[in-house]
Amino acid sequence: MSGINVEPYIFFKGNAAEAMEFYKSIFGGEIETMSYDAMHIPVPEGFTGENLMHASLKNSDVALMASDTIEASEVSKKITISLAGEDEEKLTAIFNGLSEGVEVKYPLKKESWGDIFGSITDKYGVEWMVNIGTATQ
């Protein structure tokens, strides 16, 4: 199944630029943005032309997209972004970064299936799961 990418698209109520900078501080990569003004399209009620019509954050591991929209809910829609891999140090750092400013409900810990797992809702209402596996022989 080469050539297919899953790129979560997260909707925010006016703070997409702030959220994407937060995610960049955790994941690294580069952010590309397009404001409503730059796209020459009508600005949603309650926003300014500087709000983001579209943003993307990409690096070799992660691709996230975002937008400011009045349709965004106060919390994320019922979807959870799952991160998985074998790099315990890197995934633990990501989990800790996403935990900034919130109470961790399910901390990283060794689970019955043998992996380290934890979940969190970040300060923007986005739900994340982190699963740290071990290399199989």
C-alpha atoms as a PDB file:
ATOM      1  CA  MET A   1       0.000   0.000   0.000  1.00  0.00           C
ATOM      2  CA  SER A   2       2.701   2.479  -0.871  1.00  0.00           C
ATOM      3  CA  GLY A   3       1.834   6.018  -1.849  1.00  0.00           C
ATOM      4  CA  ILE A   4      -0.946   6.464   0.723  1.00  0.00           C
ATOM      5  CA  ASN A   5      -0.627   8.901   3.620  1.00  0.00           C
ATOM      6  CA  VAL A   6      -2.996   9.501   6.502  1.00  0.00           C
ATOM      7  CA  GLU A   7      -2.963  13.191   7.400  1.00  0.00           C
ATOM      8  CA  PRO A   8      -5.309  14.164  10.252  1.00  0.00           C
ATOM      9  CA  TYR A   9      -7.089  17.478   9.693  1.00  0.00           C
ATOM     10  CA  ILE A  10      -7.863  19.281  12.964  1.00  0.00           C
ATOM     11  CA  PHE A  11     -10.391  22.123  13.177  1.00  0.00           C
ATOM     12  CA  PHE A  12      -9.975  24.973  15.663  1.00  0.00           C
ATOM     13  CA  LYS A  13     -12.120  27.911  16.751  1.00  0.00           C
ATOM     14  CA  GLY A  14      -9.624  30.669  16.020  1.00  0.00           C
ATOM     15  CA  ASN A  15      -6.408  29.323  17.522  1.00  0.00           C
ATOM     16  CA  ALA A  16      -5.104  27.071  14.731  1.00  0.00           C
ATOM     17  CA  ALA A  17      -1.880  29.090  14.364  1.00  0.00           C
ATOM     18  CA  GLU A  18      -1.156  28.787  18.091  1.00  0.00           C
ATOM     19  CA  ALA A  19      -1.969  25.061  18.099  1.00  0.00           C
ATOM     20  CA  MET A  20       0.199  24.357  15.061  1.00  0.00           C
ATOM     21  CA  GLU A  21       3.147  26.180  16.680  1.00  0.00           C
ATOM     22  CA  PHE A  22       2.586  24.008  19.771  1.00  0.00           C
ATOM     23  CA  TYR A  23       2.629  20.841  17.650  1.00  0.00           C
ATOM     24  CA  LYS A  24       5.736  22.072  15.816  1.00  0.00           C
ATOM     25  CA  SER A  25       7.484  22.476  19.196  1.00  0.00           C
ATOM     26  CA  ILE A  26       6.734  18.801  19.880  1.00  0.00           C
ATOM     27  CA  PHE A  27       7.111  17.139  16.476  1.00  0.00           C
ATOM     28  CA  GLY A  28       9.464  19.533  14.697  1.00  0.00           C
ATOM     29  CA  GLY A  29       9.032  20.033  10.982  1.00  0.00           C
ATOM     30  CA  GLU A  30       7.857  22.973   8.944  1.00  0.00           C
ATOM     31  CA  ILE A  31       4.526  24.784   9.003  1.00  0.00           C
ATOM     32  CA  GLU A  32       2.926  26.191   5.882  1.00  0.00           C
ATOM     33  CA  THR A  33      -0.094  28.464   6.319  1.00  0.00           C
ATOM     34  CA  MET A  34      -2.713  30.221   4.248  1.00  0.00           C
ATOM     35  CA  SER A  35      -4.815  32.915   5.899  1.00  0.00           C
ATOM     36  CA  TYR A  36      -8.327  33.787   4.813  1.00  0.00           C
ATOM     37  CA  ASP A  37      -6.987  37.129   3.513  1.00  0.00           C
ATOM     38  CA  ALA A  38      -4.277  35.428   1.452  1.00  0.00           C
ATOM     39  CA  MET A  39      -6.858  33.153  -0.147  1.00  0.00           C
ATOM     40  CA  HIS A  40      -9.186  36.075  -0.951  1.00  0.00           C
ATOM     41  CA  ILE A  41     -12.215  34.244   0.376  1.00  0.00           C
ATOM     42  CA  PRO A  42     -14.889  35.410   2.831  1.00  0.00           C
ATOM     43  CA  VAL A  43     -13.791  35.429   6.464  1.00  0.00           C
ATOM     44  CA  PRO A  44     -16.070  33.415   8.767  1.00  0.00           C
ATOM     45  CA  GLU A  45     -18.039  35.467  11.277  1.00  0.00           C
ATOM     46  CA  GLY A  46     -16.035  36.097  14.428  1.00  0.00           C
ATOM     47  CA  PHE A  47     -12.646  35.649  12.755  1.00  0.00           C
ATOM     48  CA  THR A  48     -10.221  38.052  11.126  1.00  0.00           C
ATOM     49  CA  GLY A  49      -8.535  37.693   7.771  1.00  0.00           C
ATOM     50  CA  GLU A  50      -5.397  36.608   9.636  1.00  0.00           C
ATOM     51  CA  ASN A  51      -7.066  33.432  10.883  1.00  0.00           C
ATOM     52  CA  LEU A  52      -5.941  30.288   9.093  1.00  0.00           C
ATOM     53  CA  MET A  53      -7.976  28.895   6.253  1.00  0.00           C
ATOM     54  CA  HIS A  54      -5.395  26.078   6.029  1.00  0.00           C
ATOM     55  CA  ALA A  55      -2.169  25.023   7.732  1.00  0.00           C
ATOM     56  CA  SER A  56       0.066  21.996   7.410  1.00  0.00           C
ATOM     57  CA  LEU A  57       2.868  20.668   9.575  1.00  0.00           C
ATOM     58  CA  LYS A  58       5.103  18.027   8.067  1.00  0.00           C
ATOM     59  CA  ASN A  59       8.298  16.203   8.870  1.00  0.00           C
ATOM     60  CA  SER A  60       9.581  12.710   8.132  1.00  0.00           C
ATOM     61  CA  ASP A  61       7.320  11.159  10.802  1.00  0.00           C
ATOM     62  CA  VAL A  62       4.183  13.284  11.059  1.00  0.00           C
ATOM     63  CA  ALA A  63       1.784  15.207   8.839  1.00  0.00           C
ATOM     64  CA  LEU A  64      -0.962  17.295  10.457  1.00  0.00           C
ATOM     65  CA  MET A  65      -3.305  19.795   8.849  1.00  0.00           C
ATOM     66  CA  ALA A  66      -5.515  22.406  10.501  1.00  0.00           C
ATOM     67  CA  SER A  67      -7.955  25.230   9.941  1.00  0.00           C
ATOM     68  CA  ASP A  68      -9.872  27.870  11.872  1.00  0.00           C
ATOM     69  CA  THR A  69     -13.575  27.272  11.400  1.00  0.00           C
ATOM     70  CA  ILE A  70     -16.769  28.137  13.219  1.00  0.00           C
ATOM     71  CA  GLU A  71     -17.827  24.499  12.860  1.00  0.00           C
ATOM     72  CA  ALA A  72     -15.052  23.386  15.226  1.00  0.00           C
ATOM     73  CA  SER A  73     -16.338  21.972  18.491  1.00  0.00           C
ATOM     74  CA  GLU A  74     -14.954  22.919  21.881  1.00  0.00           C
ATOM     75  CA  VAL A  75     -13.360  19.477  22.025  1.00  0.00           C
ATOM     76  CA  SER A  76     -12.201  17.300  19.192  1.00  0.00           C
ATOM     77  CA  LYS A  77     -14.796  15.247  17.370  1.00  0.00           C
ATOM     78  CA  LYS A  78     -14.722  11.606  18.423  1.00  0.00           C
ATOM     79  CA  ILE A  79     -11.458  10.683  16.867  1.00  0.00           C
ATOM     80  CA  THR A  80      -8.177   9.946  18.536  1.00  0.00           C
ATOM     81  CA  ILE A  81      -4.822  10.346  16.839  1.00  0.00           C
ATOM     82  CA  SER A  82      -2.707   7.288  17.540  1.00  0.00           C
ATOM     83  CA  LEU A  83       1.081   7.419  17.466  1.00  0.00           C
ATOM     84  CA  ALA A  84       2.995   4.151  17.473  1.00  0.00           C
ATOM     85  CA  GLY A  85       6.580   3.063  17.125  1.00  0.00           C
ATOM     86  CA  GLU A  86       9.553   1.521  18.857  1.00  0.00           C
ATOM     87  CA  ASP A  87      11.543   4.651  19.772  1.00  0.00           C
ATOM     88  CA  GLU A  88      10.696   4.882  23.479  1.00  0.00           C
ATOM     89  CA  GLU A  89      12.718   8.048  24.092  1.00  0.00           C
ATOM     90  CA  LYS A  90      11.165   9.920  21.157  1.00  0.00           C
ATOM     91  CA  LEU A  91       7.577   8.795  21.811  1.00  0.00           C
ATOM     92  CA  THR A  92       7.879   9.501  25.536  1.00  0.00           C
ATOM     93  CA  ALA A  93       9.100  13.025  24.748  1.00  0.00           C
ATOM     94  CA  ILE A  94       6.132  13.513  22.401  1.00  0.00           C
ATOM     95  CA  PHE A  95       3.701  12.247  25.058  1.00  0.00           C
ATOM     96  CA  ASN A  96       5.235  14.563  27.645  1.00  0.00           C
ATOM     97  CA  GLY A  97       5.048  17.500  25.238  1.00  0.00           C
ATOM     98  CA  LEU A  98       1.395  16.856  24.459  1.00  0.00           C
ATOM     99  CA  SER A  99       0.789  16.667  28.225  1.00  0.00           C
ATOM    100  CA  GLU A 100       1.860  20.299  28.711  1.00  0.00           C
ATOM    101  CA  GLY A 101      -0.763  22.204  30.658  1.00  0.00           C
ATOM    102  CA  VAL A 102      -3.206  19.323  31.160  1.00  0.00           C
ATOM    103  CA  GLU A 103      -3.817  16.545  33.648  1.00  0.00           C
ATOM    104  CA  VAL A 104      -2.746  13.180  32.268  1.00  0.00           C
ATOM    105  CA  LYS A 105      -5.658  10.766  32.610  1.00  0.00           C
ATOM    106  CA  TYR A 106      -3.813   7.641  31.425  1.00  0.00           C
ATOM    107  CA  PRO A 107      -0.019   7.917  31.889  1.00  0.00           C
ATOM    108  CA  LEU A 108       2.458   5.873  29.907  1.00  0.00           C
ATOM    109  CA  LYS A 109       2.902   2.458  31.477  1.00  0.00           C
ATOM    110  CA  LYS A 110       3.684  -1.133  30.541  1.00  0.00           C
ATOM    111  CA  GLU A 111       0.493  -2.920  29.524  1.00  0.00           C
ATOM    112  CA  SER A 112      -0.575  -6.578  29.526  1.00  0.00           C
ATOM    113  CA  TRP A 113       0.131  -6.876  25.785  1.00  0.00           C
ATOM    114  CA  GLY A 114       3.773  -5.968  26.469  1.00  0.00           C
ATOM    115  CA  ASP A 115       3.872  -2.444  25.058  1.00  0.00           C
ATOM    116  CA  ILE A 116       4.035   0.891  26.844  1.00  0.00           C
ATOM    117  CA  PHE A 117       0.779   2.803  26.330  1.00  0.00           C
ATOM    118  CA  GLY A 118      -0.778   6.082  27.415  1.00  0.00           C
ATOM    119  CA  SER A 119      -3.461   8.497  26.283  1.00  0.00           C
ATOM    120  CA  ILE A 120      -4.166  12.168  26.755  1.00  0.00           C
ATOM    121  CA  THR A 121      -6.380  15.011  25.658  1.00  0.00           C
ATOM    122  CA  ASP A 122      -4.093  17.955  24.913  1.00  0.00           C
ATOM    123  CA  LYS A 123      -4.746  21.593  25.779  1.00  0.00           C
ATOM    124  CA  TYR A 124      -6.529  22.077  22.435  1.00  0.00           C
ATOM    125  CA  GLY A 125      -8.998  19.244  23.055  1.00  0.00           C
ATOM    126  CA  VAL A 126      -7.294  16.822  20.647  1.00  0.00           C
ATOM    127  CA  GLU A 127      -7.144  13.225  21.864  1.00  0.00           C
ATOM    128  CA  TRP A 128      -3.917  11.239  21.413  1.00  0.00           C
ATOM    129  CA  MET A 129      -2.842   7.653  22.112  1.00  0.00           C
ATOM    130  CA  VAL A 130       0.814   6.648  22.236  1.00  0.00           C
ATOM    131  CA  ASN A 131       1.857   3.009  21.922  1.00  0.00           C
ATOM    132  CA  ILE A 132       5.535   2.136  22.280  1.00  0.00           C
ATOM    133  CA  GLY A 133       6.214  -1.373  21.041  1.00  0.00           C
ATOM    134  CA  THR A 134       9.287  -3.498  20.920  1.00  0.00           C
ATOM    135  CA  ALA A 135      11.027  -4.819  17.865  1.00  0.00           C
ATOM    136  CA  THR A 136       9.808  -8.265  16.892  1.00  0.00           C
ATOM    137  CA  GLN A 137      12.380 -10.865  15.953  1.00  0.00           C
END
